[in-house]
Amino acid sequence: MRILHVLDHGLPLQSGYTFRTRAILTAQIAAGHAIAAVTGPRYNAADAACETIDGIDFHRTMPATRGGVAAEVAAFARRIGAVADAFRPDVIHTHSPALDAVAAWWPARRRGVPLLYEIRAFWEDAAVGNGTAREGALRYRATRALEDVAVARADAVAVICDGLRTDLIARGVATDKIMVSPNGVDLTLFGAPPARDAALAEALGLGDEVIGFIGSFYDYEGLDDLIAAMPALVAARPRAQLLLVGGGPMADALAAQAAASPVASRICFVGRVPHREVERYYGVVDVLAYPRKRMRLTDLVTPLKPLEAMAQGRLVAASDVGGHRELIRDGETATLFRADDPAALAAALAGLLADRSGWDARRARARAFVAAERDWATNVHRYDAVYQRLTDRTYDRASWLRPFFPARSSGSSIRR
């Protein structure tokens, strides 16, 4: 099957978004599909109209120089249409945000190609989590309304977790229109757990009871709770240390909080490191902590980082928000603790550090869970039945009117 993916951004940019994209597209290529991708005008510099990275053909969209969001969507739609004319896809698979689905909808309809829209997060909630929007404000409501229109126009919808599926059903979306394509990893990228890098540990002044977080410093990640938990953790485990690797909007505030802590000497900030060196830092951490705060974003969406840590055979502790509960079997594959509660976080970490007898078995169970349920080599085939159903069905030429004028829809049908 020929599948055209429509993306907000892609490689060589590195983010959870691009890593999931690469995993999906690489697995589909390995399964025998013909794959191409179009990236939007905002983030990937269009130095070349098309470039191949990691075996994936990325077609770039030139940035719009004026006209705001409407001009960006129009430019993106034209680029999607041009690539579709050359590539001749059987399915257009567009990925969130909703603007991507809006841009892809007219090129798909005009060419009679079915459209699958994949939601990785509700972007109005992501904006709240990133501190750039307020829940219930005008921008929030407008983004939510745009999401509803994108879902209504799509022929099928994919979501990354049950939280998003349940929310869409509550909005009135038909159950049989939604599929779940859960977050996963490419296990071929994760071999044996990285060996402890003694030289790096010595350079950073780290001992043998290291709690770590490696990722982006957003408010919803709850790193302020992790820092707040450190005095109680050190009181229970005097050798405990905290290693924070990464950066982001909360970096300065977290650094100031750590400097004011009575156990400031036990908290180490590294900053951002090149992606090729990240594995070295995983190798000096005993427990990866993910203390996400409770909010709509974290309750509805499953993160990728804990899966990657479990795939590497690392020990994981995470807050009990909904997204984590979909990934973790408490006490079997990882430890859950009460969200937004530094005391509960400290107690959970102290308990893990105090008893290492079950660590190896827990690591093995966590990796086995990832291999059985979250490996892209097998999970990517979840799309195939939906693609087949979409390409086999009959389409109405006037279906584009339905989200707005359902009573007036009429017209002849076409079959692909």
Protein backbone atom coordinates (compact mmCIF):
# COMPACT_ATOMS: atom_id res chain seq x y z
CA MET A 1 0.00 0.00 0.00
CA ARG A 2 1.15 3.57 -0.71
CA ILE A 3 0.83 5.78 2.39
CA LEU A 4 1.48 9.52 2.51
CA HIS A 5 2.12 10.81 6.04
CA VAL A 6 1.40 14.48 6.80
CA LEU A 7 3.46 15.80 9.73
CA ASP A 8 3.93 18.94 11.76
CA HIS A 9 7.69 18.36 11.69
CA GLY A 10 10.12 15.49 11.23
CA LEU A 11 13.72 14.39 11.22
CA PRO A 12 16.39 15.69 11.57
CA LEU A 13 14.62 17.56 14.40
CA GLN A 14 14.62 15.39 17.51
CA SER A 15 11.60 15.15 19.79
CA GLY A 16 9.14 12.57 21.06
CA TYR A 17 7.02 13.49 18.02
CA THR A 18 9.78 12.74 15.52
CA PHE A 19 10.87 9.55 17.32
CA ARG A 20 7.34 8.13 17.16
CA THR A 21 7.12 9.16 13.51
CA ARG A 22 10.40 7.50 12.64
CA ALA A 23 9.36 4.30 14.41
CA ILE A 24 6.02 4.11 12.57
CA LEU A 25 7.38 4.90 9.12
CA THR A 26 10.43 2.65 9.49
CA ALA A 27 8.24 -0.26 10.60
CA GLN A 28 5.83 0.33 7.70
CA ILE A 29 8.70 0.33 5.21
CA ALA A 30 9.98 -2.93 6.71
CA ALA A 31 6.45 -4.36 6.33
CA GLY A 32 6.52 -3.65 2.58
CA HIS A 33 4.52 -0.41 2.32
CA ALA A 34 5.64 2.49 0.11
CA ILE A 35 6.02 5.53 2.36
CA ALA A 36 6.48 9.27 1.86
CA ALA A 37 6.04 12.19 4.26
CA VAL A 38 5.25 15.89 3.99
CA THR A 39 6.32 18.24 6.80
CA GLY A 40 4.68 21.57 7.60
CA PRO A 41 6.01 25.08 7.06
CA ARG A 42 6.85 26.02 10.64
CA TYR A 43 9.79 24.00 11.89
CA ASN A 44 11.73 22.21 9.15
CA ALA A 45 13.84 24.63 7.14
CA ALA A 46 13.07 24.00 3.47
CA ASP A 47 16.67 24.10 2.24
CA ALA A 48 15.80 21.16 0.00
CA ALA A 49 12.37 20.36 -1.45
CA CYS A 50 12.89 16.71 -0.59
CA GLU A 51 15.46 14.86 1.48
CA THR A 52 15.88 11.27 2.60
CA ILE A 53 16.75 10.68 6.27
CA ASP A 54 16.98 7.22 7.84
CA GLY A 55 15.50 5.80 4.64
CA ILE A 56 12.38 8.03 4.79
CA ASP A 57 11.54 10.54 2.04
CA PHE A 58 10.57 13.89 3.58
CA HIS A 59 8.98 16.52 1.34
CA ARG A 60 9.32 20.00 2.83
CA THR A 61 6.87 22.92 2.74
CA MET A 62 8.25 26.39 2.23
CA PRO A 63 7.34 28.80 5.07
CA ALA A 64 4.61 31.33 4.31
CA THR A 65 6.09 34.84 4.37
CA ARG A 66 2.81 36.60 5.17
CA GLY A 67 -0.84 35.91 5.85
CA GLY A 68 -0.56 34.19 9.24
CA VAL A 69 -2.03 30.78 10.02
CA ALA A 70 -4.44 30.79 7.07
CA ALA A 71 -1.56 31.29 4.65
CA GLU A 72 0.44 28.53 6.33
CA VAL A 73 -2.45 26.07 6.03
CA ALA A 74 -2.99 27.02 2.38
CA ALA A 75 0.70 26.58 1.56
CA PHE A 76 0.76 23.25 3.38
CA ALA A 77 -2.36 22.08 1.49
CA ARG A 78 -0.80 22.98 -1.86
CA ARG A 79 2.37 21.09 -0.99
CA ILE A 80 0.40 18.03 0.17
CA GLY A 81 -1.55 18.09 -3.08
CA ALA A 82 1.58 18.35 -5.21
CA VAL A 83 3.25 15.45 -3.41
CA ALA A 84 0.04 13.40 -3.62
CA ASP A 85 -0.10 13.95 -7.38
CA ALA A 86 3.45 12.63 -7.76
CA PHE A 87 3.30 9.85 -5.13
CA ARG A 88 -0.32 8.73 -5.79
CA PRO A 89 -1.08 7.43 -2.27
CA ASP A 90 -3.79 4.94 -1.41
CA VAL A 91 -4.22 6.62 2.01
CA ILE A 92 -3.26 10.00 3.45
CA HIS A 93 -2.31 9.54 7.12
CA THR A 94 -2.12 12.92 8.84
CA HIS A 95 -0.79 13.41 12.36
CA SER A 96 -1.73 16.03 14.93
CA PRO A 97 -2.03 18.95 15.45
CA ALA A 98 -5.45 19.59 13.96
CA LEU A 99 -4.06 22.15 11.51
CA ASP A 100 -2.31 19.27 9.71
CA ALA A 101 -5.63 17.49 9.28
CA VAL A 102 -7.27 20.70 8.05
CA ALA A 103 -4.48 21.18 5.50
CA ALA A 104 -4.67 17.56 4.32
CA TRP A 105 -8.45 17.34 4.08
CA TRP A 106 -9.04 19.22 0.80
CA PRO A 107 -6.15 17.56 -1.13
CA ALA A 108 -7.47 14.18 0.03
CA ARG A 109 -11.08 14.92 -0.90
CA ARG A 110 -10.20 16.42 -4.25
CA ARG A 111 -8.30 13.29 -5.21
CA GLY A 112 -10.74 10.81 -3.68
CA VAL A 113 -8.10 9.52 -1.24
CA PRO A 114 -9.26 8.43 2.26
CA LEU A 115 -7.92 10.40 5.21
CA LEU A 116 -6.81 8.95 8.56
CA TYR A 117 -6.20 11.53 11.28
CA GLU A 118 -3.94 10.50 14.17
CA ILE A 119 -4.15 12.42 17.45
CA ARG A 120 -1.11 12.24 19.72
CA ALA A 121 -2.43 14.82 22.17
CA PHE A 122 -5.14 17.46 22.25
CA TRP A 123 -3.08 20.53 21.49
CA GLU A 124 -5.24 22.83 23.58
CA ASP A 125 -4.28 20.69 26.60
CA ALA A 126 -0.64 20.55 25.51
CA ALA A 127 -0.62 24.36 25.39
CA VAL A 128 -1.96 24.48 28.96
CA GLY A 129 0.73 22.01 30.03
CA ASN A 130 3.42 24.11 28.36
CA GLY A 131 2.16 27.26 30.04
CA THR A 132 1.18 29.00 26.78
CA ALA A 133 -2.62 28.80 27.21
CA ARG A 134 -5.26 28.71 29.93
CA GLU A 135 -7.95 26.03 30.09
CA GLY A 136 -11.33 27.43 29.05
CA ALA A 137 -9.90 30.62 27.50
CA LEU A 138 -10.88 31.71 23.98
CA ARG A 139 -7.78 30.22 22.35
CA TYR A 140 -8.35 26.95 24.20
CA ARG A 141 -11.97 26.73 23.05
CA ALA A 142 -11.06 27.65 19.47
CA THR A 143 -8.39 24.94 19.31
CA ARG A 144 -10.80 22.39 20.73
CA ALA A 145 -13.44 23.38 18.15
CA LEU A 146 -10.88 23.00 15.35
CA GLU A 147 -10.03 19.53 16.66
CA ASP A 148 -13.70 18.58 16.54
CA VAL A 149 -13.95 19.73 12.92
CA ALA A 150 -10.80 17.78 11.97
CA VAL A 151 -12.18 14.62 13.57
CA ALA A 152 -15.56 15.07 11.85
CA ARG A 153 -13.93 15.46 8.43
CA ALA A 154 -11.56 12.49 8.74
CA ASP A 155 -12.64 9.08 7.47
CA ALA A 156 -11.04 7.41 10.49
CA VAL A 157 -9.25 8.57 13.63
CA ALA A 158 -6.28 7.03 15.43
CA VAL A 159 -5.31 7.92 19.01
CA ILE A 160 -2.29 6.89 21.03
CA CYS A 161 -4.11 5.76 24.18
CA ASP A 162 -7.44 4.88 25.75
CA GLY A 163 -7.63 8.24 27.53
CA LEU A 164 -7.91 10.11 24.23
CA ARG A 165 -10.34 7.51 22.84
CA THR A 166 -12.64 7.84 25.86
CA ASP A 167 -12.61 11.63 25.58
CA LEU A 168 -13.55 11.54 21.88
CA ILE A 169 -16.40 9.12 22.52
CA ALA A 170 -17.70 11.48 25.22
CA ARG A 171 -17.72 14.22 22.57
CA GLY A 172 -19.99 12.09 20.41
CA VAL A 173 -17.50 10.47 18.02
CA ALA A 174 -18.61 7.02 16.90
CA THR A 175 -16.68 4.22 18.60
CA ASP A 176 -16.06 2.38 15.34
CA LYS A 177 -14.42 5.46 13.83
CA ILE A 178 -11.57 5.36 16.38
CA MET A 179 -8.61 3.01 16.59
CA VAL A 180 -5.90 2.97 19.26
CA SER A 181 -2.29 2.93 18.10
CA PRO A 182 -0.44 3.01 21.41
CA ASN A 183 2.92 4.60 22.04
CA GLY A 184 5.66 2.11 21.35
CA VAL A 185 9.36 1.72 20.71
CA ASP A 186 11.57 0.17 18.10
CA LEU A 187 13.16 -2.56 20.19
CA THR A 188 15.98 -2.98 17.69
CA LEU A 189 17.31 0.34 18.98
CA PHE A 190 17.47 -0.91 22.59
CA GLY A 191 19.85 -3.71 23.36
CA ALA A 192 21.30 -4.60 26.75
CA PRO A 193 21.08 -1.88 29.43
CA PRO A 194 23.96 0.58 29.06
CA ALA A 195 26.91 -0.28 31.26
CA ARG A 196 27.67 2.12 34.06
CA ASP A 197 30.04 4.80 32.80
CA ALA A 198 32.40 5.02 35.76
CA ALA A 199 34.34 7.94 34.27
CA LEU A 200 31.18 9.99 33.73
CA ALA A 201 29.90 9.15 37.22
CA GLU A 202 33.19 10.27 38.72
CA ALA A 203 33.22 13.47 36.68
CA LEU A 204 29.71 14.31 37.90
CA GLY A 205 30.43 13.25 41.48
CA LEU A 206 27.72 10.55 41.42
CA GLY A 207 27.60 7.53 43.71
CA ASP A 208 25.46 4.39 43.68
CA GLU A 209 21.98 5.72 44.57
CA VAL A 210 21.12 8.05 41.71
CA ILE A 211 17.62 9.19 40.80
CA GLY A 212 17.45 10.64 37.30
CA PHE A 213 15.27 12.50 34.85
CA ILE A 214 16.36 12.89 31.23
CA GLY A 215 14.10 14.96 29.01
CA SER A 216 12.42 18.34 28.59
CA PHE A 217 11.79 20.59 31.58
CA TYR A 218 8.11 21.51 31.26
CA ASP A 219 5.94 22.43 34.23
CA TYR A 220 3.67 19.40 33.80
CA GLU A 221 6.65 17.04 34.22
CA GLY A 222 6.58 17.82 37.95
CA LEU A 223 10.32 18.25 38.40
CA ASP A 224 9.68 20.84 41.11
CA ASP A 225 8.03 18.05 43.12
CA LEU A 226 11.07 15.86 42.52
CA ILE A 227 13.40 18.56 43.83
CA ALA A 228 11.03 19.19 46.77
CA ALA A 229 11.18 15.48 47.61
CA MET A 230 14.95 15.40 47.89
CA PRO A 231 15.37 16.54 51.54
CA ALA A 232 13.08 13.72 52.75
CA LEU A 233 14.74 11.23 50.42
CA VAL A 234 18.24 12.17 51.59
CA ALA A 235 17.09 11.94 55.21
CA ALA A 236 16.01 8.35 54.55
CA ARG A 237 18.86 7.49 52.14
CA PRO A 238 21.89 9.71 52.86
CA ARG A 239 23.69 8.61 49.66
CA ALA A 240 20.76 9.50 47.38
CA GLN A 241 21.43 11.99 44.58
CA LEU A 242 19.38 13.55 41.81
CA LEU A 243 20.61 13.94 38.23
CA LEU A 244 18.65 16.20 35.87
CA VAL A 245 19.60 16.09 32.19
CA GLY A 246 17.89 18.35 29.67
CA GLY A 247 16.42 21.81 29.44
CA GLY A 248 13.29 23.73 28.69
CA PRO A 249 10.99 26.52 29.94
CA MET A 250 11.32 25.54 33.61
CA ALA A 251 15.11 25.22 33.64
CA ASP A 252 15.89 28.52 35.41
CA ALA A 253 13.14 28.15 38.01
CA LEU A 254 14.20 24.58 38.79
CA ALA A 255 17.84 25.59 39.12
CA ALA A 256 16.87 28.35 41.56
CA GLN A 257 14.72 25.93 43.56
CA ALA A 258 17.55 23.40 43.73
CA ALA A 259 20.07 26.06 44.82
CA ALA A 260 17.78 27.01 47.71
CA SER A 261 17.29 23.40 48.81
CA PRO A 262 18.93 22.23 52.07
CA VAL A 263 20.33 19.33 50.04
CA ALA A 264 21.50 21.43 47.07
CA SER A 265 24.79 19.53 46.99
CA ARG A 266 22.87 16.32 46.21
CA ILE A 267 21.23 17.76 43.06
CA CYS A 268 23.16 17.83 39.79
CA PHE A 269 22.05 19.71 36.66
CA VAL A 270 23.78 18.76 33.42
CA GLY A 271 21.80 20.75 30.86
CA ARG A 272 21.14 19.54 27.35
CA VAL A 273 23.44 16.91 25.91
CA PRO A 274 23.82 15.65 22.31
CA HIS A 275 21.41 12.81 21.54
CA ARG A 276 24.28 10.44 20.79
CA GLU A 277 25.53 10.88 24.39
CA VAL A 278 22.21 10.39 26.20
CA GLU A 279 22.80 6.67 26.72
CA ARG A 280 25.88 7.43 28.81
CA TYR A 281 23.72 9.38 31.28
CA TYR A 282 21.12 6.61 31.45
CA GLY A 283 24.01 4.38 32.44
CA VAL A 284 24.75 6.29 35.66
CA VAL A 285 21.11 6.40 36.86
CA ASP A 286 19.64 3.75 39.17
CA VAL A 287 15.98 4.85 39.04
CA LEU A 288 14.33 6.98 36.34
CA ALA A 289 11.66 9.21 37.91
CA TYR A 290 8.66 10.65 36.03
CA PRO A 291 6.68 12.78 38.55
CA ARG A 292 4.11 14.24 36.11
CA LYS A 293 1.50 16.56 37.62
CA ARG A 294 -2.18 15.65 37.42
CA MET A 295 -4.02 17.60 34.69
CA ARG A 296 -6.03 16.80 31.55
CA LEU A 297 -2.89 16.42 29.43
CA THR A 298 -1.17 13.92 31.72
CA ASP A 299 -4.34 12.00 32.55
CA LEU A 300 -5.30 11.56 28.89
CA VAL A 301 -1.92 11.05 27.18
CA THR A 302 0.67 8.30 27.58
CA PRO A 303 4.28 9.53 27.47
CA LEU A 304 7.10 7.87 25.55
CA LYS A 305 9.99 8.28 28.01
CA PRO A 306 8.94 5.60 30.55
CA LEU A 307 8.51 3.09 27.69
CA GLU A 308 11.98 3.88 26.39
CA ALA A 309 13.42 3.47 29.89
CA MET A 310 11.69 0.10 30.36
CA ALA A 311 12.87 -1.00 26.91
CA GLN A 312 16.42 -0.29 28.08
CA GLY A 313 15.91 -2.39 31.19
CA ARG A 314 15.92 0.61 33.49
CA LEU A 315 14.03 0.86 36.79
CA VAL A 316 11.11 3.31 36.62
CA ALA A 317 9.06 5.23 39.21
CA ALA A 318 6.19 7.42 38.03
CA SER A 319 3.25 9.42 39.35
CA ASP A 320 -0.17 7.78 39.20
CA VAL A 321 -1.65 10.03 36.49
CA GLY A 322 -3.85 8.34 33.90
CA GLY A 323 -1.22 8.30 31.16
CA HIS A 324 1.23 6.43 33.40
CA ARG A 325 -1.40 3.98 34.64
CA GLU A 326 -1.95 2.83 31.04
CA LEU A 327 1.75 1.91 30.79
CA ILE A 328 2.66 0.63 34.24
CA ARG A 329 1.64 -2.31 36.40
CA ASP A 330 2.40 -0.99 39.85
CA GLY A 331 4.86 -3.18 41.73
CA GLU A 332 5.39 -5.46 38.70
CA THR A 333 6.91 -3.42 35.88
CA ALA A 334 7.47 -0.13 37.75
CA THR A 335 6.42 1.84 40.84
CA LEU A 336 3.56 4.33 40.96
CA PHE A 337 3.31 7.06 43.59
CA ARG A 338 0.66 9.69 44.32
CA ALA A 339 0.91 12.66 41.93
CA ASP A 340 1.60 16.18 43.22
CA ASP A 341 2.87 14.79 46.54
CA PRO A 342 6.63 15.18 47.22
CA ALA A 343 6.36 13.14 50.44
CA ALA A 344 4.81 10.19 48.60
CA LEU A 345 7.46 10.53 45.90
CA ALA A 346 10.28 10.50 48.46
CA ALA A 347 8.83 7.45 50.22
CA ALA A 348 8.48 5.51 46.97
CA LEU A 349 12.05 6.27 45.90
CA ALA A 350 13.45 5.49 49.35
CA GLY A 351 11.66 2.14 49.30
CA LEU A 352 13.17 1.25 45.92
CA LEU A 353 16.68 2.21 46.98
CA ALA A 354 16.36 0.31 50.28
CA ASP A 355 15.58 -3.05 48.66
CA ARG A 356 17.40 -4.03 45.49
CA SER A 357 16.52 -7.71 45.72
CA GLY A 358 13.74 -7.50 43.13
CA TRP A 359 15.33 -5.05 40.72
CA ASP A 360 16.53 -7.53 38.12
CA ALA A 361 13.18 -9.35 37.98
CA ARG A 362 11.27 -6.07 37.67
CA ARG A 363 13.53 -4.86 34.87
CA ALA A 364 12.99 -8.14 33.04
CA ARG A 365 9.20 -7.93 33.43
CA ALA A 366 9.19 -4.33 32.18
CA ARG A 367 11.17 -5.15 29.06
CA ALA A 368 9.01 -8.22 28.42
CA PHE A 369 5.90 -6.00 28.60
CA VAL A 370 7.37 -3.62 26.04
CA ALA A 371 8.36 -6.51 23.75
CA ALA A 372 4.92 -8.13 23.96
CA GLU A 373 2.68 -5.06 23.76
CA ARG A 374 4.62 -1.96 22.66
CA ASP A 375 7.07 -3.03 19.93
CA TRP A 376 6.46 -1.18 16.66
CA ALA A 377 7.50 -4.22 14.63
CA THR A 378 4.15 -5.80 15.56
CA ASN A 379 2.02 -2.83 16.65
CA VAL A 380 2.38 -1.05 13.30
CA HIS A 381 0.09 -3.69 11.74
CA ARG A 382 -2.83 -2.23 13.73
CA TYR A 383 -3.10 0.37 10.96
CA ASP A 384 -3.42 -2.18 8.17
CA ALA A 385 -7.02 -3.21 8.82
CA VAL A 386 -8.09 0.44 8.97
CA TYR A 387 -6.23 1.30 5.76
CA GLN A 388 -7.87 -1.67 4.04
CA ARG A 389 -11.33 -0.72 5.24
CA LEU A 390 -10.87 2.86 4.07
CA THR A 391 -9.63 1.93 0.62
CA ASP A 392 -12.44 -0.60 0.15
CA ARG A 393 -15.31 1.69 1.15
CA THR A 394 -17.49 3.94 -1.01
CA TYR A 395 -17.00 7.72 -0.77
CA ASP A 396 -19.52 10.47 -1.34
CA ARG A 397 -18.24 13.43 -3.35
CA ALA A 398 -20.28 15.78 -1.13
CA SER A 399 -19.03 14.29 2.15
CA TRP A 400 -16.93 17.40 2.80
CA LEU A 401 -20.18 19.25 3.57
CA ARG A 402 -21.30 16.95 6.36
CA PRO A 403 -19.53 18.62 9.31
CA PHE A 404 -21.36 21.84 8.42
CA PHE A 405 -24.58 20.94 6.56
CA PRO A 406 -25.41 17.31 7.31
CA ALA A 407 -29.01 17.59 6.10
CA ARG A 408 -27.94 18.89 2.69
CA SER A 409 -25.29 16.31 1.83
CA SER A 410 -25.96 14.58 -1.45
CA GLY A 411 -24.13 13.51 -4.56
CA SER A 412 -22.82 10.63 -6.51
CA SER A 413 -20.41 8.16 -5.03
CA ILE A 414 -17.03 6.95 -6.13
CA ARG A 415 -15.17 3.80 -5.23
CA ARG A 416 -11.44 3.47 -5.05
